[in-house]
Protein backbone atom coordinates (compact mmCIF):
# COMPACT_ATOMS: atom_id res chain seq x y z
CA UNK A 1 3.64 -74.79 -14.65
CA UNK A 2 0.90 -72.20 -15.36
CA UNK A 3 1.72 -68.58 -15.49
CA UNK A 4 0.35 -64.97 -16.53
CA UNK A 5 1.67 -64.08 -19.82
CA UNK A 6 1.22 -61.12 -22.49
CA UNK A 7 -1.77 -62.37 -24.55
CA UNK A 8 -0.38 -64.55 -27.48
CA UNK A 9 -1.52 -66.53 -30.66
CA UNK A 10 0.08 -69.60 -29.29
CA UNK A 11 -2.83 -70.51 -27.21
CA UNK A 12 -5.52 -69.82 -30.19
CA UNK A 13 -7.03 -73.49 -30.38
CA UNK A 14 -7.57 -73.78 -26.52
CA UNK A 15 -8.62 -70.11 -26.43
CA UNK A 16 -11.49 -71.18 -28.57
CA UNK A 17 -12.13 -74.21 -26.40
CA UNK A 18 -12.27 -71.89 -23.51
CA UNK A 19 -14.79 -69.55 -25.20
CA UNK A 20 -17.24 -72.30 -25.91
CA UNK A 21 -17.26 -73.28 -22.13
CA UNK A 22 -17.81 -69.48 -21.46
CA UNK A 23 -20.52 -69.29 -23.92
CA UNK A 24 -22.19 -72.66 -22.46
CA UNK A 25 -22.39 -70.99 -19.25
CA UNK A 26 -24.23 -67.69 -20.77
CA UNK A 27 -21.43 -65.45 -21.29
CA UNK A 28 -21.32 -63.22 -24.46
CA UNK A 29 -25.04 -62.48 -24.20
CA UNK A 30 -26.51 -58.82 -24.08
CA UNK A 31 -26.86 -59.13 -20.41
CA UNK A 32 -23.13 -60.04 -20.06
CA UNK A 33 -21.39 -56.49 -19.44
CA UNK A 34 -18.21 -57.79 -18.71
CA UNK A 35 -14.91 -57.38 -20.82
CA UNK A 36 -15.10 -61.00 -21.72
CA UNK A 37 -18.65 -60.98 -22.65
CA UNK A 38 -18.05 -57.69 -24.79
CA UNK A 39 -15.26 -59.57 -26.38
CA UNK A 40 -17.18 -62.78 -27.18
CA UNK A 41 -20.21 -60.52 -28.42
CA UNK A 42 -17.71 -58.67 -30.93
CA UNK A 43 -15.53 -61.47 -32.12
CA UNK A 44 -17.76 -64.70 -31.64
CA UNK A 45 -17.01 -67.14 -34.50
CA UNK A 46 -14.80 -64.86 -36.21
CA UNK A 47 -12.02 -65.74 -33.69
CA UNK A 48 -11.63 -69.13 -35.51
CA UNK A 49 -10.00 -67.27 -38.25
CA UNK A 50 -6.19 -66.78 -37.43
CA UNK A 51 -5.92 -63.44 -38.82
CA UNK A 52 -8.85 -62.18 -36.63
CA UNK A 53 -7.56 -63.93 -33.57
CA UNK A 54 -4.23 -62.19 -34.40
CA UNK A 55 -5.91 -58.87 -34.59
CA UNK A 56 -7.83 -59.60 -31.28
CA UNK A 57 -4.51 -60.40 -29.37
CA UNK A 58 -2.77 -57.17 -30.79
CA UNK A 59 -6.00 -55.06 -29.69
CA UNK A 60 -5.87 -56.65 -26.34
CA UNK A 61 -2.29 -55.80 -25.79
CA UNK A 62 -2.91 -52.64 -26.82
CA UNK A 63 -5.73 -51.94 -24.45
CA UNK A 64 -2.89 -51.01 -21.98
CA UNK A 65 -2.17 -47.82 -23.97
CA UNK A 66 -3.99 -44.69 -22.94
CA UNK A 67 -4.59 -43.49 -26.51
CA UNK A 68 -5.82 -46.90 -27.60
CA UNK A 69 -9.73 -46.80 -28.78
CA UNK A 70 -12.13 -48.20 -26.21
CA UNK A 71 -15.81 -47.99 -25.41
CA UNK A 72 -17.08 -45.03 -23.52
CA UNK A 73 -16.41 -45.27 -19.54
CA UNK A 74 -13.79 -48.01 -20.10
CA UNK A 75 -10.21 -47.38 -18.93
CA UNK A 76 -6.90 -48.44 -20.07
CA UNK A 77 -6.17 -52.13 -18.84
CA UNK A 78 -3.42 -54.53 -18.78
CA UNK A 79 -4.76 -57.87 -20.04
CA UNK A 80 -2.92 -61.07 -19.02
CA UNK A 81 -3.58 -64.66 -19.83
CA UNK A 82 -3.04 -67.54 -17.73
CA UNK A 83 -1.61 -70.23 -19.40
CA UNK A 84 0.21 -73.67 -19.14
CA UNK A 85 1.99 -74.42 -22.37
CA UNK A 86 -0.48 -73.81 -25.19
CA UNK A 87 -3.35 -74.09 -23.08
CA UNK A 88 -5.45 -71.07 -22.17
CA UNK A 89 -6.67 -71.12 -18.54
CA UNK A 90 -8.11 -67.95 -17.92
CA UNK A 91 -7.70 -64.26 -18.39
CA UNK A 92 -6.97 -61.27 -15.90
CA UNK A 93 -7.50 -57.60 -16.44
CA UNK A 94 -5.80 -54.90 -14.44
CA UNK A 95 -7.44 -51.62 -14.71
CA UNK A 96 -5.07 -48.62 -14.81
CA UNK A 97 -7.50 -46.23 -12.83
CA UNK A 98 -10.79 -46.35 -11.09
CA UNK A 99 -14.06 -44.66 -12.33
CA UNK A 100 -17.03 -44.13 -10.18
CA UNK A 101 -18.64 -47.44 -11.69
CA UNK A 102 -15.32 -49.57 -11.24
CA UNK A 103 -15.16 -48.21 -7.51
CA UNK A 104 -18.89 -49.37 -7.05
CA UNK A 105 -18.96 -52.49 -9.23
CA UNK A 106 -16.01 -53.57 -11.04
CA UNK A 107 -12.68 -52.98 -9.19
CA UNK A 108 -9.28 -52.51 -10.42
CA UNK A 109 -8.66 -56.40 -11.16
CA UNK A 110 -11.03 -58.61 -12.69
CA UNK A 111 -10.48 -62.41 -13.65
CA UNK A 112 -12.09 -65.29 -15.32
CA UNK A 113 -11.14 -68.91 -15.19
CA UNK A 114 -12.54 -71.18 -17.91
CA UNK A 115 -15.20 -73.52 -16.49
CA UNK A 116 -13.16 -76.88 -17.12
CA UNK A 117 -10.11 -75.33 -15.13
CA UNK A 118 -12.07 -74.01 -11.91
CA UNK A 119 -11.48 -75.30 -8.59
CA UNK A 120 -7.76 -76.11 -9.00
CA UNK A 121 -6.17 -72.91 -7.49
CA UNK A 122 -5.93 -71.03 -10.74
CA UNK A 123 -7.84 -67.88 -9.65
CA UNK A 124 -5.96 -67.54 -6.57
CA UNK A 125 -2.58 -67.96 -8.33
CA UNK A 126 -3.69 -65.57 -11.07
CA UNK A 127 -4.57 -62.91 -8.38
CA UNK A 128 -1.31 -63.41 -6.54
CA UNK A 129 0.75 -63.37 -9.64
CA UNK A 130 -1.21 -59.90 -10.69
CA UNK A 131 -0.32 -58.07 -7.55
CA UNK A 132 3.45 -57.18 -8.52
CA UNK A 133 2.07 -56.29 -12.03
CA UNK A 134 -0.35 -53.88 -10.44
CA UNK A 135 2.36 -52.39 -8.16
CA UNK A 136 4.58 -51.57 -11.10
CA UNK A 137 1.32 -49.86 -12.58
CA UNK A 138 1.45 -47.71 -9.62
CA UNK A 139 -1.25 -49.31 -7.49
CA UNK A 140 -0.12 -49.63 -3.63
CA UNK A 141 -3.43 -51.61 -3.42
CA UNK A 142 -6.24 -52.90 -5.65
CA UNK A 143 -9.88 -53.25 -5.18
CA UNK A 144 -11.40 -56.36 -6.16
CA UNK A 145 -14.97 -57.19 -6.21
CA UNK A 146 -17.10 -60.20 -6.34
CA UNK A 147 -21.02 -61.00 -6.20
CA UNK A 148 -22.29 -61.55 -2.94
CA UNK A 149 -23.32 -65.12 -3.61
CA UNK A 150 -20.00 -65.92 -5.32
CA UNK A 151 -18.40 -67.81 -2.40
CA UNK A 152 -15.57 -69.37 -4.38
CA UNK A 153 -14.53 -65.62 -5.68
CA UNK A 154 -14.73 -64.35 -2.24
CA UNK A 155 -12.28 -67.12 -0.99
CA UNK A 156 -9.88 -66.41 -3.66
CA UNK A 157 -9.72 -62.57 -2.88
CA UNK A 158 -9.56 -63.35 1.03
CA UNK A 159 -6.74 -65.95 0.34
CA UNK A 160 -4.81 -63.16 -1.60
CA UNK A 161 -5.14 -61.01 1.46
CA UNK A 162 -8.39 -59.20 0.61
CA UNK A 163 -9.61 -56.74 3.40
CA UNK A 164 -13.49 -56.72 3.25
CA UNK A 165 -14.54 -52.79 3.01
CA UNK A 166 -18.20 -53.00 2.21
CA UNK A 167 -21.15 -54.20 0.15
CA UNK A 168 -22.59 -52.03 -2.69
CA UNK A 169 -25.78 -53.45 -4.14
CA UNK A 170 -24.84 -57.01 -5.07
CA UNK A 171 -21.10 -56.45 -4.96
CA UNK A 172 -18.66 -57.11 -2.07
CA UNK A 173 -15.77 -54.91 -2.10
CA UNK A 174 -12.15 -55.84 -0.90
CA UNK A 175 -8.74 -54.22 -0.84
CA UNK A 176 -5.51 -56.15 -1.27
CA UNK A 177 -2.13 -54.48 -0.74
CA UNK A 178 0.23 -55.03 -3.79
CA UNK A 179 3.44 -55.06 -1.76
């Protein structure tokens, strides 16, 4: 049964397969300003090296610590991976606080499901499983956003109790209670 876990080197091979799927749909380009896009741009083919992947896993885990280095404007985030055995299915980020940009555009929770695992309920399960974690981080409710043309993500958010607040530019903004 899939579950959210702390990033682990145990899924190295399937993580690499997932990255190839993400890249095939255009992730990791200069226009991709997401956390996943940034990671692909920085690590790219170097992820194949076990030591580099282990370093990436440690850096990803460390991102939850306030003192960890991160790009300007980024906040501490708890990163969790959604896995079934040794198969990487997706990733989820719970940001520890909102900035102006996250309030308007990114939200507190973001998630990515690898293309070959989509439309199987994984995103809904990931988001649901993340709510107690967000609560433990001090969030009574979380802001989740999606593009206005992303019907699948909108359905995921609403299935998890998302209450629509408004639209800012192309982003729909929903709040979900964590209790």
